[in-house]
C-alpha atoms as a PDB file:
ATOM      1  CA  UNK A   1     -76.591-106.537  47.910  1.00  0.00           C
ATOM      2  CA  UNK A   2     -77.557-109.134  45.358  1.00  0.00           C
ATOM      3  CA  UNK A   3     -78.819-108.429  41.819  1.00  0.00           C
ATOM      4  CA  UNK A   4     -82.440-108.636  42.961  1.00  0.00           C
ATOM      5  CA  UNK A   5     -81.794-105.924  45.573  1.00  0.00           C
ATOM      6  CA  UNK A   6     -80.319-103.581  42.928  1.00  0.00           C
ATOM      7  CA  UNK A   7     -83.311-104.224  40.660  1.00  0.00           C
ATOM      8  CA  UNK A   8     -85.619-103.352  43.546  1.00  0.00           C
ATOM      9  CA  UNK A   9     -83.624-100.165  44.193  1.00  0.00           C
ATOM     10  CA  UNK A  10     -83.826 -99.128  40.539  1.00  0.00           C
ATOM     11  CA  UNK A  11     -87.568 -99.809  40.555  1.00  0.00           C
ATOM     12  CA  UNK A  12     -87.942 -97.768  43.751  1.00  0.00           C
ATOM     13  CA  UNK A  13     -86.044 -94.792  42.272  1.00  0.00           C
ATOM     14  CA  UNK A  14     -88.164 -94.897  39.100  1.00  0.00           C
ATOM     15  CA  UNK A  15     -91.358 -94.986  41.181  1.00  0.00           C
ATOM     16  CA  UNK A  16     -90.101 -92.207  43.467  1.00  0.00           C
ATOM     17  CA  UNK A  17     -89.267 -89.957  40.487  1.00  0.00           C
ATOM     18  CA  UNK A  18     -92.847 -90.348  39.224  1.00  0.00           C
ATOM     19  CA  UNK A  19     -94.264 -89.718  42.697  1.00  0.00           C
ATOM     20  CA  UNK A  20     -92.038 -86.632  43.091  1.00  0.00           C
ATOM     21  CA  UNK A  21     -93.255 -85.195  39.782  1.00  0.00           C
ATOM     22  CA  UNK A  22     -96.884 -85.817  40.713  1.00  0.00           C
ATOM     23  CA  UNK A  23     -96.341 -84.165  44.106  1.00  0.00           C
ATOM     24  CA  UNK A  24     -94.633 -81.187  42.460  1.00  0.00           C
ATOM     25  CA  UNK A  25     -97.641 -80.783  40.135  1.00  0.00           C
ATOM     26  CA  UNK A  26    -100.130 -81.069  43.021  1.00  0.00           C
ATOM     27  CA  UNK A  27    -101.619 -84.317  41.740  1.00  0.00           C
ATOM     28  CA  UNK A  28    -101.438 -86.344  44.975  1.00  0.00           C
ATOM     29  CA  UNK A  29    -104.330 -86.902  47.333  1.00  0.00           C
ATOM     30  CA  UNK A  30    -103.768 -86.796  51.094  1.00  0.00           C
ATOM     31  CA  UNK A  31    -102.884 -90.505  51.373  1.00  0.00           C
ATOM     32  CA  UNK A  32    -100.454 -90.363  48.426  1.00  0.00           C
ATOM     33  CA  UNK A  33     -98.876 -87.173  49.817  1.00  0.00           C
ATOM     34  CA  UNK A  34     -98.294 -88.909  53.159  1.00  0.00           C
ATOM     35  CA  UNK A  35     -96.601 -91.784  51.293  1.00  0.00           C
ATOM     36  CA  UNK A  36     -94.489 -89.275  49.334  1.00  0.00           C
ATOM     37  CA  UNK A  37     -93.375 -87.614  52.592  1.00  0.00           C
ATOM     38  CA  UNK A  38     -92.381 -91.050  53.998  1.00  0.00           C
ATOM     39  CA  UNK A  39     -90.434 -91.898  50.837  1.00  0.00           C
ATOM     40  CA  UNK A  40     -88.608 -88.534  50.909  1.00  0.00           C
ATOM     41  CA  UNK A  41     -87.638 -89.161  54.523  1.00  0.00           C
ATOM     42  CA  UNK A  42     -86.343 -92.648  53.611  1.00  0.00           C
ATOM     43  CA  UNK A  43     -84.257 -91.255  50.749  1.00  0.00           C
ATOM     44  CA  UNK A  44     -82.897 -88.467  52.949  1.00  0.00           C
ATOM     45  CA  UNK A  45     -81.896 -91.006  55.638  1.00  0.00           C
ATOM     46  CA  UNK A  46     -80.139 -93.171  53.042  1.00  0.00           C
ATOM     47  CA  UNK A  47     -78.209 -90.167  51.716  1.00  0.00           C
ATOM     48  CA  UNK A  48     -77.156 -89.090  55.210  1.00  0.00           C
ATOM     49  CA  UNK A  49     -75.939 -92.622  55.975  1.00  0.00           C
ATOM     50  CA  UNK A  50     -74.055 -92.740  52.656  1.00  0.00           C
ATOM     51  CA  UNK A  51     -72.284 -89.491  53.588  1.00  0.00           C
ATOM     52  CA  UNK A  52     -71.610 -90.657  57.147  1.00  0.00           C
ATOM     53  CA  UNK A  53     -73.787 -87.868  58.557  1.00  0.00           C
ATOM     54  CA  UNK A  54     -76.248 -88.135  61.390  1.00  0.00           C
ATOM     55  CA  UNK A  55     -79.644 -86.563  61.922  1.00  0.00           C
ATOM     56  CA  UNK A  56     -79.493 -83.572  64.206  1.00  0.00           C
ATOM     57  CA  UNK A  57     -81.397 -84.013  67.477  1.00  0.00           C
ATOM     58  CA  UNK A  58     -85.008 -82.911  67.145  1.00  0.00           C
ATOM     59  CA  UNK A  59     -84.903 -82.948  63.335  1.00  0.00           C
ATOM     60  CA  UNK A  60     -85.879 -85.355  60.601  1.00  0.00           C
ATOM     61  CA  UNK A  61     -83.414 -86.627  57.999  1.00  0.00           C
ATOM     62  CA  UNK A  62     -85.145 -84.391  55.454  1.00  0.00           C
ATOM     63  CA  UNK A  63     -84.509 -81.334  57.654  1.00  0.00           C
ATOM     64  CA  UNK A  64     -80.835 -82.254  58.080  1.00  0.00           C
ATOM     65  CA  UNK A  65     -80.131 -83.010  54.405  1.00  0.00           C
ATOM     66  CA  UNK A  66     -78.150 -80.381  52.462  1.00  0.00           C
ATOM     67  CA  UNK A  67     -77.499 -80.574  48.732  1.00  0.00           C
ATOM     68  CA  UNK A  68     -75.135 -78.830  46.378  1.00  0.00           C
ATOM     69  CA  UNK A  69     -77.382 -76.363  44.577  1.00  0.00           C
ATOM     70  CA  UNK A  70     -76.250 -73.192  42.821  1.00  0.00           C
ATOM     71  CA  UNK A  71     -79.101 -70.690  42.853  1.00  0.00           C
ATOM     72  CA  UNK A  72     -79.105 -66.895  42.597  1.00  0.00           C
ATOM     73  CA  UNK A  73     -79.767 -65.145  45.876  1.00  0.00           C
ATOM     74  CA  UNK A  74     -79.959 -61.507  46.912  1.00  0.00           C
ATOM     75  CA  UNK A  75     -78.739 -60.778  50.437  1.00  0.00           C
ATOM     76  CA  UNK A  76     -79.554 -57.592  52.318  1.00  0.00           C
ATOM     77  CA  UNK A  77     -76.353 -56.936  54.223  1.00  0.00           C
ATOM     78  CA  UNK A  78     -77.074 -53.821  56.247  1.00  0.00           C
ATOM     79  CA  UNK A  79     -78.396 -51.264  53.763  1.00  0.00           C
ATOM     80  CA  UNK A  80     -76.764 -52.761  50.689  1.00  0.00           C
ATOM     81  CA  UNK A  81     -78.123 -55.605  48.586  1.00  0.00           C
ATOM     82  CA  UNK A  82     -75.531 -58.108  47.428  1.00  0.00           C
ATOM     83  CA  UNK A  83     -75.970 -60.667  44.661  1.00  0.00           C
ATOM     84  CA  UNK A  84     -74.539 -64.115  45.315  1.00  0.00           C
ATOM     85  CA  UNK A  85     -75.082 -67.786  44.489  1.00  0.00           C
ATOM     86  CA  UNK A  86     -75.796 -70.546  46.939  1.00  0.00           C
ATOM     87  CA  UNK A  87     -73.188 -73.260  47.405  1.00  0.00           C
ATOM     88  CA  UNK A  88     -75.603 -75.606  49.097  1.00  0.00           C
ATOM     89  CA  UNK A  89     -79.184 -75.632  50.239  1.00  0.00           C
ATOM     90  CA  UNK A  90     -81.210 -77.428  52.893  1.00  0.00           C
ATOM     91  CA  UNK A  91     -84.530 -76.954  54.631  1.00  0.00           C
ATOM     92  CA  UNK A  92     -82.552 -75.377  57.455  1.00  0.00           C
ATOM     93  CA  UNK A  93     -80.571 -72.845  55.434  1.00  0.00           C
ATOM     94  CA  UNK A  94     -77.942 -72.175  52.780  1.00  0.00           C
ATOM     95  CA  UNK A  95     -74.311 -71.191  52.295  1.00  0.00           C
ATOM     96  CA  UNK A  96     -72.670 -68.622  50.005  1.00  0.00           C
ATOM     97  CA  UNK A  97     -69.199 -67.204  49.331  1.00  0.00           C
ATOM     98  CA  UNK A  98     -68.747 -63.519  50.210  1.00  0.00           C
ATOM     99  CA  UNK A  99     -65.820 -61.101  50.109  1.00  0.00           C
ATOM    100  CA  UNK A 100     -66.932 -59.304  53.261  1.00  0.00           C
ATOM    101  CA  UNK A 101     -68.845 -61.553  55.650  1.00  0.00           C
ATOM    102  CA  UNK A 102     -71.475 -60.439  58.142  1.00  0.00           C
ATOM    103  CA  UNK A 103     -70.939 -61.319  61.807  1.00  0.00           C
ATOM    104  CA  UNK A 104     -72.049 -64.633  63.277  1.00  0.00           C
ATOM    105  CA  UNK A 105     -75.634 -64.318  64.613  1.00  0.00           C
ATOM    106  CA  UNK A 106     -76.305 -61.275  62.392  1.00  0.00           C
ATOM    107  CA  UNK A 107     -79.805 -61.372  60.869  1.00  0.00           C
ATOM    108  CA  UNK A 108     -80.175 -60.529  57.176  1.00  0.00           C
ATOM    109  CA  UNK A 109     -82.949 -60.427  54.604  1.00  0.00           C
ATOM    110  CA  UNK A 110     -82.774 -62.552  51.474  1.00  0.00           C
ATOM    111  CA  UNK A 111     -84.578 -63.351  48.223  1.00  0.00           C
ATOM    112  CA  UNK A 112     -83.747 -66.836  46.894  1.00  0.00           C
ATOM    113  CA  UNK A 113     -84.601 -67.463  43.236  1.00  0.00           C
ATOM    114  CA  UNK A 114     -85.811 -71.031  42.692  1.00  0.00           C
ATOM    115  CA  UNK A 115     -85.808 -70.584  38.914  1.00  0.00           C
ATOM    116  CA  UNK A 116     -88.956 -71.874  37.308  1.00  0.00           C
ATOM    117  CA  UNK A 117     -90.679 -72.363  40.676  1.00  0.00           C
ATOM    118  CA  UNK A 118     -92.380 -68.949  40.698  1.00  0.00           C
ATOM    119  CA  UNK A 119     -91.578 -65.983  42.902  1.00  0.00           C
ATOM    120  CA  UNK A 120     -88.390 -65.964  44.981  1.00  0.00           C
ATOM    121  CA  UNK A 121     -88.471 -67.279  48.522  1.00  0.00           C
ATOM    122  CA  UNK A 122     -88.138 -64.150  50.668  1.00  0.00           C
ATOM    123  CA  UNK A 123     -87.394 -64.049  54.333  1.00  0.00           C
ATOM    124  CA  UNK A 124     -84.760 -63.641  57.002  1.00  0.00           C
ATOM    125  CA  UNK A 125     -81.792 -65.784  57.912  1.00  0.00           C
ATOM    126  CA  UNK A 126     -79.193 -65.711  60.649  1.00  0.00           C
ATOM    127  CA  UNK A 127     -75.450 -66.204  60.136  1.00  0.00           C
ATOM    128  CA  UNK A 128     -74.432 -69.438  61.847  1.00  0.00           C
ATOM    129  CA  UNK A 129     -70.901 -69.934  60.510  1.00  0.00           C
ATOM    130  CA  UNK A 130     -68.131 -67.970  58.795  1.00  0.00           C
ATOM    131  CA  UNK A 131     -65.065 -69.752  57.397  1.00  0.00           C
ATOM    132  CA  UNK A 132     -62.232 -68.144  55.478  1.00  0.00           C
ATOM    133  CA  UNK A 133     -61.654 -69.790  52.079  1.00  0.00           C
ATOM    134  CA  UNK A 134     -58.682 -67.955  50.575  1.00  0.00           C
ATOM    135  CA  UNK A 135     -59.752 -64.412  49.735  1.00  0.00           C
ATOM    136  CA  UNK A 136     -63.429 -65.244  50.248  1.00  0.00           C
ATOM    137  CA  UNK A 137     -65.535 -66.396  53.179  1.00  0.00           C
ATOM    138  CA  UNK A 138     -67.970 -69.303  53.220  1.00  0.00           C
ATOM    139  CA  UNK A 139     -70.952 -67.996  55.153  1.00  0.00           C
ATOM    140  CA  UNK A 140     -73.687 -70.366  56.327  1.00  0.00           C
ATOM    141  CA  UNK A 141     -77.141 -69.026  57.134  1.00  0.00           C
ATOM    142  CA  UNK A 142     -80.071 -70.593  59.000  1.00  0.00           C
ATOM    143  CA  UNK A 143     -83.573 -69.736  57.790  1.00  0.00           C
ATOM    144  CA  UNK A 144     -85.878 -67.985  60.237  1.00  0.00           C
ATOM    145  CA  UNK A 145     -89.667 -68.281  60.154  1.00  0.00           C
ATOM    146  CA  UNK A 146     -90.290 -69.482  56.602  1.00  0.00           C
ATOM    147  CA  UNK A 147     -93.890 -70.098  55.580  1.00  0.00           C
ATOM    148  CA  UNK A 148     -95.125 -73.653  55.152  1.00  0.00           C
ATOM    149  CA  UNK A 149     -95.530 -72.983  51.414  1.00  0.00           C
ATOM    150  CA  UNK A 150     -91.913 -71.799  51.107  1.00  0.00           C
ATOM    151  CA  UNK A 151     -90.646 -74.804  53.070  1.00  0.00           C
ATOM    152  CA  UNK A 152     -92.559 -77.049  50.666  1.00  0.00           C
ATOM    153  CA  UNK A 153     -91.074 -75.239  47.639  1.00  0.00           C
ATOM    154  CA  UNK A 154     -87.573 -75.622  49.100  1.00  0.00           C
ATOM    155  CA  UNK A 155     -88.235 -79.317  49.710  1.00  0.00           C
ATOM    156  CA  UNK A 156     -89.094 -79.830  46.053  1.00  0.00           C
ATOM    157  CA  UNK A 157     -85.954 -77.935  45.000  1.00  0.00           C
ATOM    158  CA  UNK A 158     -83.787 -80.067  47.298  1.00  0.00           C
ATOM    159  CA  UNK A 159     -85.216 -83.346  46.040  1.00  0.00           C
ATOM    160  CA  UNK A 160     -84.969 -82.138  42.427  1.00  0.00           C
ATOM    161  CA  UNK A 161     -81.232 -81.764  43.123  1.00  0.00           C
ATOM    162  CA  UNK A 162     -81.053 -85.217  44.724  1.00  0.00           C
ATOM    163  CA  UNK A 163     -82.837 -86.880  41.816  1.00  0.00           C
ATOM    164  CA  UNK A 164     -80.705 -84.997  39.261  1.00  0.00           C
ATOM    165  CA  UNK A 165     -77.635 -86.758  40.713  1.00  0.00           C
ATOM    166  CA  UNK A 166     -79.171 -90.235  40.453  1.00  0.00           C
ATOM    167  CA  UNK A 167     -78.888 -91.403  36.851  1.00  0.00           C
ATOM    168  CA  UNK A 168     -82.049 -92.845  35.339  1.00  0.00           C
ATOM    169  CA  UNK A 169     -82.006 -96.577  34.637  1.00  0.00           C
ATOM    170  CA  UNK A 170     -80.705 -97.731  31.288  1.00  0.00           C
END
């Protein structure tokens, strides 16, 4: 990439940040929202390529993208609620560390706190992976049947995390 390409990239990131904020605040009309969705998909594809990841069949880059995001979450494991923090988050699910993991394919309830983004996202998730990490287990969950509004809220949270890792221009 030449200097002009980097300048264009910086300009694009600055413009995308502004577009993201306007989308988050509900200020975009239908045409602008469609452009925002296209730009998010482009950024997600670029991040997947940078991490040598591929888009899962039948999904968009945005659906495949996972970001490091530590958020409080309450898991309903059987009859007992357990407080945890997410390790990562994507539109498809999340991962946490637990001392006693549920079984793969087990369905659990959850309440994910998005901080300042209003009420927690509540729903059900299914265990898709359990990996021992020393004394703890990394447990990955796939969301089941989230509302369109909750998917949108998660999308904003994910791209907030992406943009937080891209330093603003000097």
